[in-house]
Amino acid sequence: YFIYILMGIGVYIFFKYIVRGFYIVNQNERAVKTVFGK
């Protein structure tokens, strides 16, 4: 059970912060990035 929990946490982190970390900016858009809110 402990291994399954760790695997679940790893999958969540992968999709939450790795896969969803990629983004695009459309032609009619501009973007600004903040680091720790700045």
PDB file of all heavy atoms in Angstrom:
ATOM      1  N   TYR A   1       0.818  -1.202   0.000  1.00  0.00           N
ATOM      2  CA  TYR A   1       0.000   0.000   0.000  1.00  0.00           C
ATOM      3  C   TYR A   1       0.857   1.258   0.000  1.00  0.00           C
ATOM      4  O   TYR A   1       0.539   2.258  -0.639  1.00  0.00           O
ATOM      5  CB  TYR A   1      -0.928   0.001   1.218  1.00  0.00           C
ATOM      6  CG  TYR A   1      -2.013  -1.036   1.137  1.00  0.00           C
ATOM      7  CD1 TYR A   1      -1.955  -2.171   1.924  1.00  0.00           C
ATOM      8  CD2 TYR A   1      -3.076  -0.881   0.250  1.00  0.00           C
ATOM      9  CE1 TYR A   1      -2.941  -3.137   1.847  1.00  0.00           C
ATOM     10  CE2 TYR A   1      -4.065  -1.843   0.170  1.00  0.00           C
ATOM     11  CZ  TYR A   1      -4.010  -2.972   0.964  1.00  0.00           C
ATOM     12  OH  TYR A   1      -4.982  -3.924   0.884  1.00  0.00           O
ATOM     13  N   PHE A   2       1.953   1.222   0.710  1.00  0.00           N
ATOM     14  CA  PHE A   2       2.846   2.360   0.790  1.00  0.00           C
ATOM     15  C   PHE A   2       3.451   2.660  -0.583  1.00  0.00           C
ATOM     16  O   PHE A   2       3.573   3.821  -0.998  1.00  0.00           O
ATOM     17  CB  PHE A   2       3.937   2.093   1.821  1.00  0.00           C
ATOM     18  CG  PHE A   2       4.901   3.236   1.990  1.00  0.00           C
ATOM     19  CD1 PHE A   2       4.521   4.399   2.622  1.00  0.00           C
ATOM     20  CD2 PHE A   2       6.200   3.141   1.484  1.00  0.00           C
ATOM     21  CE1 PHE A   2       5.415   5.445   2.777  1.00  0.00           C
ATOM     22  CE2 PHE A   2       7.084   4.194   1.635  1.00  0.00           C
ATOM     23  CZ  PHE A   2       6.695   5.340   2.289  1.00  0.00           C
ATOM     24  N   ILE A   3       3.802   1.582  -1.320  1.00  0.00           N
ATOM     25  CA  ILE A   3       4.376   1.764  -2.660  1.00  0.00           C
ATOM     26  C   ILE A   3       3.333   2.379  -3.601  1.00  0.00           C
ATOM     27  O   ILE A   3       3.622   3.275  -4.392  1.00  0.00           O
ATOM     28  CB  ILE A   3       4.869   0.417  -3.211  1.00  0.00           C
ATOM     29  CG1 ILE A   3       6.058  -0.069  -2.375  1.00  0.00           C
ATOM     30  CG2 ILE A   3       5.294   0.554  -4.681  1.00  0.00           C
ATOM     31  CD1 ILE A   3       6.560  -1.459  -2.761  1.00  0.00           C
ATOM     32  N   TYR A   4       2.066   1.890  -3.511  1.00  0.00           N
ATOM     33  CA  TYR A   4       1.002   2.439  -4.359  1.00  0.00           C
ATOM     34  C   TYR A   4       0.758   3.932  -4.064  1.00  0.00           C
ATOM     35  O   TYR A   4       0.502   4.725  -4.969  1.00  0.00           O
ATOM     36  CB  TYR A   4      -0.279   1.649  -4.153  1.00  0.00           C
ATOM     37  CG  TYR A   4      -0.204   0.231  -4.686  1.00  0.00           C
ATOM     38  CD1 TYR A   4      -0.904  -0.801  -4.063  1.00  0.00           C
ATOM     39  CD2 TYR A   4       0.576  -0.070  -5.809  1.00  0.00           C
ATOM     40  CE1 TYR A   4      -0.842  -2.102  -4.538  1.00  0.00           C
ATOM     41  CE2 TYR A   4       0.651  -1.376  -6.283  1.00  0.00           C
ATOM     42  CZ  TYR A   4      -0.054  -2.382  -5.648  1.00  0.00           C
ATOM     43  OH  TYR A   4       0.011  -3.658  -6.124  1.00  0.00           O
ATOM     44  N   ILE A   5       0.851   4.240  -2.760  1.00  0.00           N
ATOM     45  CA  ILE A   5       0.661   5.644  -2.384  1.00  0.00           C
ATOM     46  C   ILE A   5       1.750   6.513  -2.984  1.00  0.00           C
ATOM     47  O   ILE A   5       1.512   7.591  -3.533  1.00  0.00           O
ATOM     48  CB  ILE A   5       0.611   5.778  -0.859  1.00  0.00           C
ATOM     49  CG1 ILE A   5      -0.661   5.121  -0.317  1.00  0.00           C
ATOM     50  CG2 ILE A   5       0.647   7.262  -0.454  1.00  0.00           C
ATOM     51  CD1 ILE A   5      -0.722   5.080   1.193  1.00  0.00           C
ATOM     52  N   LEU A   6       2.978   6.028  -2.901  1.00  0.00           N
ATOM     53  CA  LEU A   6       4.094   6.800  -3.462  1.00  0.00           C
ATOM     54  C   LEU A   6       3.963   6.927  -4.977  1.00  0.00           C
ATOM     55  O   LEU A   6       4.247   7.983  -5.563  1.00  0.00           O
ATOM     56  CB  LEU A   6       5.419   6.122  -3.109  1.00  0.00           C
ATOM     57  CG  LEU A   6       5.850   6.181  -1.635  1.00  0.00           C
ATOM     58  CD1 LEU A   6       7.163   5.434  -1.439  1.00  0.00           C
ATOM     59  CD2 LEU A   6       5.996   7.629  -1.182  1.00  0.00           C
ATOM     60  N   MET A   7       3.525   5.842  -5.611  1.00  0.00           N
ATOM     61  CA  MET A   7       3.337   5.912  -7.059  1.00  0.00           C
ATOM     62  C   MET A   7       2.237   6.904  -7.421  1.00  0.00           C
ATOM     63  O   MET A   7       2.359   7.673  -8.384  1.00  0.00           O
ATOM     64  CB  MET A   7       2.984   4.517  -7.595  1.00  0.00           C
ATOM     65  CG  MET A   7       4.123   3.525  -7.526  1.00  0.00           C
ATOM     66  SD  MET A   7       3.639   1.880  -8.112  1.00  0.00           S
ATOM     67  CE  MET A   7       3.168   2.267  -9.793  1.00  0.00           C
ATOM     68  N   GLY A   8       1.166   6.909  -6.643  1.00  0.00           N
ATOM     69  CA  GLY A   8       0.087   7.859  -6.904  1.00  0.00           C
ATOM     70  C   GLY A   8       0.546   9.302  -6.739  1.00  0.00           C
ATOM     71  O   GLY A   8       0.197  10.188  -7.547  1.00  0.00           O
ATOM     72  N   ILE A   9       1.320   9.522  -5.662  1.00  0.00           N
ATOM     73  CA  ILE A   9       1.852  10.878  -5.452  1.00  0.00           C
ATOM     74  C   ILE A   9       2.776  11.269  -6.604  1.00  0.00           C
ATOM     75  O   ILE A   9       2.754  12.408  -7.095  1.00  0.00           O
ATOM     76  CB  ILE A   9       2.580  10.956  -4.103  1.00  0.00           C
ATOM     77  CG1 ILE A   9       1.584  10.771  -2.959  1.00  0.00           C
ATOM     78  CG2 ILE A   9       3.308  12.294  -3.966  1.00  0.00           C
ATOM     79  CD1 ILE A   9       2.246  10.685  -1.587  1.00  0.00           C
ATOM     80  N   GLY A  10       3.595  10.306  -7.058  1.00  0.00           N
ATOM     81  CA  GLY A  10       4.501  10.608  -8.164  1.00  0.00           C
ATOM     82  C   GLY A  10       3.761  10.941  -9.442  1.00  0.00           C
ATOM     83  O   GLY A  10       4.124  11.870 -10.182  1.00  0.00           O
ATOM     84  N   VAL A  11       2.684  10.168  -9.748  1.00  0.00           N
ATOM     85  CA  VAL A  11       1.893  10.447 -10.941  1.00  0.00           C
ATOM     86  C   VAL A  11       1.215  11.818 -10.837  1.00  0.00           C
ATOM     87  O   VAL A  11       1.170  12.587 -11.804  1.00  0.00           O
ATOM     88  CB  VAL A  11       0.845   9.328 -11.149  1.00  0.00           C
ATOM     89  CG1 VAL A  11      -0.129   9.717 -12.262  1.00  0.00           C
ATOM     90  CG2 VAL A  11       1.529   8.009 -11.491  1.00  0.00           C
ATOM     91  N   TYR A  12       0.698  12.136  -9.638  1.00  0.00           N
ATOM     92  CA  TYR A  12       0.050  13.441  -9.440  1.00  0.00           C
ATOM     93  C   TYR A  12       1.041  14.579  -9.662  1.00  0.00           C
ATOM     94  O   TYR A  12       0.737  15.558 -10.354  1.00  0.00           O
ATOM     95  CB  TYR A  12      -0.530  13.508  -8.030  1.00  0.00           C
ATOM     96  CG  TYR A  12      -1.067  14.867  -7.674  1.00  0.00           C
ATOM     97  CD1 TYR A  12      -2.310  15.277  -8.115  1.00  0.00           C
ATOM     98  CD2 TYR A  12      -0.313  15.745  -6.891  1.00  0.00           C
ATOM     99  CE1 TYR A  12      -2.806  16.533  -7.791  1.00  0.00           C
ATOM    100  CE2 TYR A  12      -0.790  16.999  -6.561  1.00  0.00           C
ATOM    101  CZ  TYR A  12      -2.035  17.391  -7.009  1.00  0.00           C
ATOM    102  OH  TYR A  12      -2.507  18.640  -6.681  1.00  0.00           O
ATOM    103  N   ILE A  13       2.234  14.412  -9.085  1.00  0.00           N
ATOM    104  CA  ILE A  13       3.254  15.461  -9.245  1.00  0.00           C
ATOM    105  C   ILE A  13       3.662  15.584 -10.707  1.00  0.00           C
ATOM    106  O   ILE A  13       3.870  16.684 -11.232  1.00  0.00           O
ATOM    107  CB  ILE A  13       4.472  15.158  -8.348  1.00  0.00           C
ATOM    108  CG1 ILE A  13       4.077  15.285  -6.869  1.00  0.00           C
ATOM    109  CG2 ILE A  13       5.626  16.097  -8.670  1.00  0.00           C
ATOM    110  CD1 ILE A  13       5.179  14.884  -5.913  1.00  0.00           C
ATOM    111  N   PHE A  14       3.742  14.428 -11.377  1.00  0.00           N
ATOM    112  CA  PHE A  14       4.168  14.457 -12.786  1.00  0.00           C
ATOM    113  C   PHE A  14       3.169  15.244 -13.642  1.00  0.00           C
ATOM    114  O   PHE A  14       3.553  16.095 -14.448  1.00  0.00           O
ATOM    115  CB  PHE A  14       4.302  13.023 -13.307  1.00  0.00           C
ATOM    116  CG  PHE A  14       4.666  12.941 -14.758  1.00  0.00           C
ATOM    117  CD1 PHE A  14       5.977  13.169 -15.176  1.00  0.00           C
ATOM    118  CD2 PHE A  14       3.698  12.652 -15.717  1.00  0.00           C
ATOM    119  CE1 PHE A  14       6.305  13.098 -16.521  1.00  0.00           C
ATOM    120  CE2 PHE A  14       4.025  12.587 -17.058  1.00  0.00           C
ATOM    121  CZ  PHE A  14       5.335  12.804 -17.457  1.00  0.00           C
ATOM    122  N   PHE A  15       1.890  14.934 -13.500  1.00  0.00           N
ATOM    123  CA  PHE A  15       0.882  15.612 -14.303  1.00  0.00           C
ATOM    124  C   PHE A  15       0.635  17.048 -13.834  1.00  0.00           C
ATOM    125  O   PHE A  15       0.360  17.942 -14.635  1.00  0.00           O
ATOM    126  CB  PHE A  15      -0.434  14.823 -14.278  1.00  0.00           C
ATOM    127  CG  PHE A  15      -0.430  13.626 -15.183  1.00  0.00           C
ATOM    128  CD1 PHE A  15      -0.154  12.363 -14.673  1.00  0.00           C
ATOM    129  CD2 PHE A  15      -0.669  13.751 -16.531  1.00  0.00           C
ATOM    130  CE1 PHE A  15      -0.143  11.244 -15.510  1.00  0.00           C
ATOM    131  CE2 PHE A  15      -0.657  12.653 -17.365  1.00  0.00           C
ATOM    132  CZ  PHE A  15      -0.389  11.388 -16.854  1.00  0.00           C
ATOM    133  N   LYS A  16       0.732  17.258 -12.514  1.00  0.00           N
ATOM    134  CA  LYS A  16       0.433  18.580 -11.969  1.00  0.00           C
ATOM    135  C   LYS A  16       1.522  19.582 -12.284  1.00  0.00           C
ATOM    136  O   LYS A  16       1.236  20.716 -12.677  1.00  0.00           O
ATOM    137  CB  LYS A  16       0.243  18.464 -10.455  1.00  0.00           C
ATOM    138  CG  LYS A  16       0.046  19.766  -9.729  1.00  0.00           C
ATOM    139  CD  LYS A  16      -1.288  20.404 -10.034  1.00  0.00           C
ATOM    140  CE  LYS A  16      -1.526  21.646  -9.193  1.00  0.00           C
ATOM    141  NZ  LYS A  16      -2.806  22.303  -9.522  1.00  0.00           N
ATOM    142  N   TYR A  17       2.766  19.182 -12.136  1.00  0.00           N
ATOM    143  CA  TYR A  17       3.856  20.159 -12.222  1.00  0.00           C
ATOM    144  C   TYR A  17       4.763  19.967 -13.438  1.00  0.00           C
ATOM    145  O   TYR A  17       5.513  20.874 -13.785  1.00  0.00           O
ATOM    146  CB  TYR A  17       4.707  20.103 -10.957  1.00  0.00           C
ATOM    147  CG  TYR A  17       3.928  20.465  -9.713  1.00  0.00           C
ATOM    148  CD1 TYR A  17       3.551  19.486  -8.799  1.00  0.00           C
ATOM    149  CD2 TYR A  17       3.562  21.779  -9.472  1.00  0.00           C
ATOM    150  CE1 TYR A  17       2.824  19.833  -7.652  1.00  0.00           C
ATOM    151  CE2 TYR A  17       2.846  22.125  -8.340  1.00  0.00           C
ATOM    152  CZ  TYR A  17       2.473  21.144  -7.439  1.00  0.00           C
ATOM    153  OH  TYR A  17       1.746  21.479  -6.314  1.00  0.00           O
ATOM    154  N   ILE A  18       4.733  18.779 -14.051  1.00  0.00           N
ATOM    155  CA  ILE A  18       5.590  18.557 -15.212  1.00  0.00           C
ATOM    156  C   ILE A  18       4.781  18.727 -16.503  1.00  0.00           C
ATOM    157  O   ILE A  18       5.062  19.600 -17.332  1.00  0.00           O
ATOM    158  CB  ILE A  18       6.239  17.162 -15.166  1.00  0.00           C
ATOM    159  CG1 ILE A  18       7.030  16.996 -13.852  1.00  0.00           C
ATOM    160  CG2 ILE A  18       7.141  16.974 -16.378  1.00  0.00           C
ATOM    161  CD1 ILE A  18       8.140  18.012 -13.671  1.00  0.00           C
ATOM    162  N   VAL A  19       3.731  17.933 -16.677  1.00  0.00           N
ATOM    163  CA  VAL A  19       2.933  18.011 -17.890  1.00  0.00           C
ATOM    164  C   VAL A  19       2.222  19.356 -17.985  1.00  0.00           C
ATOM    165  O   VAL A  19       2.237  20.020 -19.027  1.00  0.00           O
ATOM    166  CB  VAL A  19       1.917  16.854 -17.941  1.00  0.00           C
ATOM    167  CG1 VAL A  19       1.013  16.993 -19.163  1.00  0.00           C
ATOM    168  CG2 VAL A  19       2.644  15.512 -17.972  1.00  0.00           C
ATOM    169  N   ARG A  20       1.604  19.771 -16.877  1.00  0.00           N
ATOM    170  CA  ARG A  20       0.887  21.047 -16.892  1.00  0.00           C
ATOM    171  C   ARG A  20       1.826  22.247 -16.777  1.00  0.00           C
ATOM    172  O   ARG A  20       1.384  23.383 -16.792  1.00  0.00           O
ATOM    173  CB  ARG A  20      -0.134  21.089 -15.765  1.00  0.00           C
ATOM    174  CG  ARG A  20      -1.242  20.054 -15.914  1.00  0.00           C
ATOM    175  CD  ARG A  20      -2.285  20.194 -14.849  1.00  0.00           C
ATOM    176  NE  ARG A  20      -2.917  21.503 -14.875  1.00  0.00           N
ATOM    177  CZ  ARG A  20      -3.825  21.916 -14.003  1.00  0.00           C
ATOM    178  NH1 ARG A  20      -4.206  21.109 -13.017  1.00  0.00           N
ATOM    179  NH2 ARG A  20      -4.360  23.112 -14.095  1.00  0.00           N
ATOM    180  N   GLY A  21       3.104  21.986 -16.648  1.00  0.00           N
ATOM    181  CA  GLY A  21       4.068  23.080 -16.612  1.00  0.00           C
ATOM    182  C   GLY A  21       4.354  23.661 -17.976  1.00  0.00           C
ATOM    183  O   GLY A  21       4.901  24.767 -18.088  1.00  0.00           O
ATOM    184  N   PHE A  22       3.978  22.931 -19.016  1.00  0.00           N
ATOM    185  CA  PHE A  22       4.148  23.442 -20.372  1.00  0.00           C
ATOM    186  C   PHE A  22       2.936  24.294 -20.759  1.00  0.00           C
ATOM    187  O   PHE A  22       1.799  23.957 -20.426  1.00  0.00           O
ATOM    188  CB  PHE A  22       4.316  22.284 -21.362  1.00  0.00           C
ATOM    189  CG  PHE A  22       5.610  21.540 -21.204  1.00  0.00           C
ATOM    190  CD1 PHE A  22       5.667  20.382 -20.430  1.00  0.00           C
ATOM    191  CD2 PHE A  22       6.756  22.004 -21.812  1.00  0.00           C
ATOM    192  CE1 PHE A  22       6.858  19.697 -20.282  1.00  0.00           C
ATOM    193  CE2 PHE A  22       7.956  21.324 -21.667  1.00  0.00           C
ATOM    194  CZ  PHE A  22       8.004  20.167 -20.887  1.00  0.00           C
ATOM    195  N   TYR A  23       3.187  25.358 -21.463  1.00  0.00           N
ATOM    196  CA  TYR A  23       2.111  26.254 -21.896  1.00  0.00           C
ATOM    197  C   TYR A  23       2.516  26.928 -23.197  1.00  0.00           C
ATOM    198  O   TYR A  23       3.696  26.954 -23.576  1.00  0.00           O
ATOM    199  CB  TYR A  23       1.807  27.313 -20.828  1.00  0.00           C
ATOM    200  CG  TYR A  23       2.947  28.274 -20.569  1.00  0.00           C
ATOM    201  CD1 TYR A  23       3.013  29.496 -21.233  1.00  0.00           C
ATOM    202  CD2 TYR A  23       3.987  27.948 -19.687  1.00  0.00           C
ATOM    203  CE1 TYR A  23       4.052  30.374 -21.016  1.00  0.00           C
ATOM    204  CE2 TYR A  23       5.032  28.827 -19.468  1.00  0.00           C
ATOM    205  CZ  TYR A  23       5.057  30.035 -20.133  1.00  0.00           C
ATOM    206  OH  TYR A  23       6.096  30.902 -19.915  1.00  0.00           O
ATOM    207  N   ILE A  24       1.527  27.444 -23.888  1.00  0.00           N
ATOM    208  CA  ILE A  24       1.759  28.195 -25.122  1.00  0.00           C
ATOM    209  C   ILE A  24       1.081  29.557 -25.004  1.00  0.00           C
ATOM    210  O   ILE A  24       0.153  29.742 -24.206  1.00  0.00           O
ATOM    211  CB  ILE A  24       1.238  27.444 -26.369  1.00  0.00           C
ATOM    212  CG1 ILE A  24      -0.273  27.219 -26.273  1.00  0.00           C
ATOM    213  CG2 ILE A  24       1.978  26.141 -26.561  1.00  0.00           C
ATOM    214  CD1 ILE A  24      -0.867  26.620 -27.531  1.00  0.00           C
ATOM    215  N   VAL A  25       1.525  30.491 -25.824  1.00  0.00           N
ATOM    216  CA  VAL A  25       0.950  31.841 -25.885  1.00  0.00           C
ATOM    217  C   VAL A  25       0.417  32.043 -27.288  1.00  0.00           C
ATOM    218  O   VAL A  25       1.168  31.927 -28.266  1.00  0.00           O
ATOM    219  CB  VAL A  25       1.994  32.918 -25.529  1.00  0.00           C
ATOM    220  CG1 VAL A  25       1.364  34.308 -25.594  1.00  0.00           C
ATOM    221  CG2 VAL A  25       2.585  32.670 -24.153  1.00  0.00           C
ATOM    222  N   ASN A  26      -0.878  32.325 -27.402  1.00  0.00           N
ATOM    223  CA  ASN A  26      -1.505  32.503 -28.708  1.00  0.00           C
ATOM    224  C   ASN A  26      -1.060  33.807 -29.368  1.00  0.00           C
ATOM    225  O   ASN A  26      -0.459  34.684 -28.736  1.00  0.00           O
ATOM    226  CB  ASN A  26      -3.022  32.467 -28.573  1.00  0.00           C
ATOM    227  CG  ASN A  26      -3.527  31.104 -28.133  1.00  0.00           C
ATOM    228  OD1 ASN A  26      -2.955  30.072 -28.512  1.00  0.00           O
ATOM    229  ND2 ASN A  26      -4.579  31.089 -27.326  1.00  0.00           N
ATOM    230  N   GLN A  27      -1.431  33.938 -30.637  1.00  0.00           N
ATOM    231  CA  GLN A  27      -1.000  35.100 -31.420  1.00  0.00           C
ATOM    232  C   GLN A  27      -1.556  36.418 -30.883  1.00  0.00           C
ATOM    233  O   GLN A  27      -0.898  37.444 -30.957  1.00  0.00           O
ATOM    234  CB  GLN A  27      -1.438  34.928 -32.882  1.00  0.00           C
ATOM    235  CG  GLN A  27      -0.668  33.847 -33.632  1.00  0.00           C
ATOM    236  CD  GLN A  27       0.802  34.169 -33.765  1.00  0.00           C
ATOM    237  OE1 GLN A  27       1.189  35.323 -33.944  1.00  0.00           O
ATOM    238  NE2 GLN A  27       1.639  33.157 -33.674  1.00  0.00           N
ATOM    239  N   ASN A  28      -2.758  36.401 -30.353  1.00  0.00           N
ATOM    240  CA  ASN A  28      -3.359  37.640 -29.840  1.00  0.00           C
ATOM    241  C   ASN A  28      -3.157  37.791 -28.338  1.00  0.00           C
ATOM    242  O   ASN A  28      -3.883  38.533 -27.687  1.00  0.00           O
ATOM    243  CB  ASN A  28      -4.849  37.662 -30.156  1.00  0.00           C
ATOM    244  CG  ASN A  28      -5.610  36.547 -29.463  1.00  0.00           C
ATOM    245  OD1 ASN A  28      -5.027  35.523 -29.117  1.00  0.00           O
ATOM    246  ND2 ASN A  28      -6.900  36.732 -29.264  1.00  0.00           N
ATOM    247  N   GLU A  29      -2.166  37.098 -27.800  1.00  0.00           N
ATOM    248  CA  GLU A  29      -1.907  37.140 -26.365  1.00  0.00           C
ATOM    249  C   GLU A  29      -0.469  37.558 -26.084  1.00  0.00           C
ATOM    250  O   GLU A  29       0.422  37.431 -26.936  1.00  0.00           O
ATOM    251  CB  GLU A  29      -2.156  35.774 -25.722  1.00  0.00           C
ATOM    252  CG  GLU A  29      -3.593  35.323 -25.713  1.00  0.00           C
ATOM    253  CD  GLU A  29      -3.757  33.958 -25.059  1.00  0.00           C
ATOM    254  OE1 GLU A  29      -2.786  33.176 -25.047  1.00  0.00           O
ATOM    255  OE2 GLU A  29      -4.869  33.679 -24.554  1.00  0.00           O
ATOM    256  N   ARG A  30      -0.270  38.083 -24.881  1.00  0.00           N
ATOM    257  CA  ARG A  30       1.049  38.313 -24.312  1.00  0.00           C
ATOM    258  C   ARG A  30       1.026  37.765 -22.899  1.00  0.00           C
ATOM    259  O   ARG A  30      -0.040  37.668 -22.276  1.00  0.00           O
ATOM    260  CB  ARG A  30       1.407  39.800 -24.310  1.00  0.00           C
ATOM    261  CG  ARG A  30       1.437  40.444 -25.682  1.00  0.00           C
ATOM    262  CD  ARG A  30       2.573  39.919 -26.535  1.00  0.00           C
ATOM    263  NE  ARG A  30       2.641  40.631 -27.811  1.00  0.00           N
ATOM    264  CZ  ARG A  30       2.004  40.260 -28.913  1.00  0.00           C
ATOM    265  NH1 ARG A  30       1.218  39.187 -28.894  1.00  0.00           N
ATOM    266  NH2 ARG A  30       2.117  40.956 -30.025  1.00  0.00           N
ATOM    267  N   ALA A  31       2.178  37.399 -22.392  1.00  0.00           N
ATOM    268  CA  ALA A  31       2.228  36.765 -21.074  1.00  0.00           C
ATOM    269  C   ALA A  31       3.350  37.358 -20.235  1.00  0.00           C
ATOM    270  O   ALA A  31       4.357  37.870 -20.758  1.00  0.00           O
ATOM    271  CB  ALA A  31       2.410  35.254 -21.200  1.00  0.00           C
ATOM    272  N   VAL A  32       3.138  37.293 -18.922  1.00  0.00           N
ATOM    273  CA  VAL A  32       4.140  37.734 -17.946  1.00  0.00           C
ATOM    274  C   VAL A  32       4.293  36.621 -16.916  1.00  0.00           C
ATOM    275  O   VAL A  32       3.287  36.082 -16.429  1.00  0.00           O
ATOM    276  CB  VAL A  32       3.730  39.053 -17.260  1.00  0.00           C
ATOM    277  CG1 VAL A  32       4.730  39.410 -16.151  1.00  0.00           C
ATOM    278  CG2 VAL A  32       3.648  40.175 -18.277  1.00  0.00           C
ATOM    279  N   LYS A  33       5.531  36.299 -16.589  1.00  0.00           N
ATOM    280  CA  LYS A  33       5.802  35.224 -15.636  1.00  0.00           C
ATOM    281  C   LYS A  33       6.252  35.815 -14.303  1.00  0.00           C
ATOM    282  O   LYS A  33       7.026  36.779 -14.273  1.00  0.00           O
ATOM    283  CB  LYS A  33       6.889  34.298 -16.177  1.00  0.00           C
ATOM    284  CG  LYS A  33       7.177  33.076 -15.305  1.00  0.00           C
ATOM    285  CD  LYS A  33       8.381  32.306 -15.820  1.00  0.00           C
ATOM    286  CE  LYS A  33       8.089  31.712 -17.189  1.00  0.00           C
ATOM    287  NZ  LYS A  33       9.240  30.874 -17.659  1.00  0.00           N
ATOM    288  N   THR A  34       5.745  35.241 -13.219  1.00  0.00           N
ATOM    289  CA  THR A  34       6.153  35.652 -11.876  1.00  0.00           C
ATOM    290  C   THR A  34       6.894  34.503 -11.200  1.00  0.00           C
ATOM    291  O   THR A  34       6.598  33.325 -11.438  1.00  0.00           O
ATOM    292  CB  THR A  34       4.945  36.044 -11.019  1.00  0.00           C
ATOM    293  OG1 THR A  34       4.065  34.917 -10.881  1.00  0.00           O
ATOM    294  CG2 THR A  34       4.191  37.197 -11.650  1.00  0.00           C
ATOM    295  N   VAL A  35       7.856  34.865 -10.372  1.00  0.00           N
ATOM    296  CA  VAL A  35       8.630  33.907  -9.584  1.00  0.00           C
ATOM    297  C   VAL A  35       8.382  34.219  -8.124  1.00  0.00           C
ATOM    298  O   VAL A  35       8.756  35.303  -7.651  1.00  0.00           O
ATOM    299  CB  VAL A  35      10.131  33.981  -9.914  1.00  0.00           C
ATOM    300  CG1 VAL A  35      10.903  32.961  -9.085  1.00  0.00           C
ATOM    301  CG2 VAL A  35      10.356  33.748 -11.397  1.00  0.00           C
ATOM    302  N   PHE A  36       7.703  33.305  -7.421  1.00  0.00           N
ATOM    303  CA  PHE A  36       7.282  33.535  -6.030  1.00  0.00           C
ATOM    304  C   PHE A  36       6.489  34.840  -5.900  1.00  0.00           C
ATOM    305  O   PHE A  36       6.653  35.587  -4.948  1.00  0.00           O
ATOM    306  CB  PHE A  36       8.490  33.550  -5.093  1.00  0.00           C
ATOM    307  CG  PHE A  36       9.199  32.228  -5.006  1.00  0.00           C
ATOM    308  CD1 PHE A  36      10.474  32.081  -5.540  1.00  0.00           C
ATOM    309  CD2 PHE A  36       8.598  31.125  -4.409  1.00  0.00           C
ATOM    310  CE1 PHE A  36      11.138  30.866  -5.469  1.00  0.00           C
ATOM    311  CE2 PHE A  36       9.257  29.904  -4.339  1.00  0.00           C
ATOM    312  CZ  PHE A  36      10.532  29.763  -4.867  1.00  0.00           C
ATOM    313  N   GLY A  37       5.636  35.080  -6.905  1.00  0.00           N
ATOM    314  CA  GLY A  37       4.745  36.227  -6.865  1.00  0.00           C
ATOM    315  C   GLY A  37       5.327  37.520  -7.398  1.00  0.00           C
ATOM    316  O   GLY A  37       4.610  38.524  -7.489  1.00  0.00           O
ATOM    317  N   LYS A  38       6.600  37.556  -7.769  1.00  0.00           N
ATOM    318  CA  LYS A  38       7.226  38.772  -8.276  1.00  0.00           C
ATOM    319  C   LYS A  38       7.433  38.648  -9.776  1.00  0.00           C
ATOM    320  O   LYS A  38       8.010  37.661 -10.253  1.00  0.00           O
ATOM    321  CB  LYS A  38       8.559  39.023  -7.584  1.00  0.00           C
ATOM    322  CG  LYS A  38       9.226  40.326  -8.016  1.00  0.00           C
ATOM    323  CD  LYS A  38      10.515  40.566  -7.244  1.00  0.00           C
ATOM    324  CE  LYS A  38      11.159  41.890  -7.657  1.00  0.00           C
ATOM    325  NZ  LYS A  38      12.412  42.147  -6.921  1.00  0.00           N
TER     326      LYS A  38
END
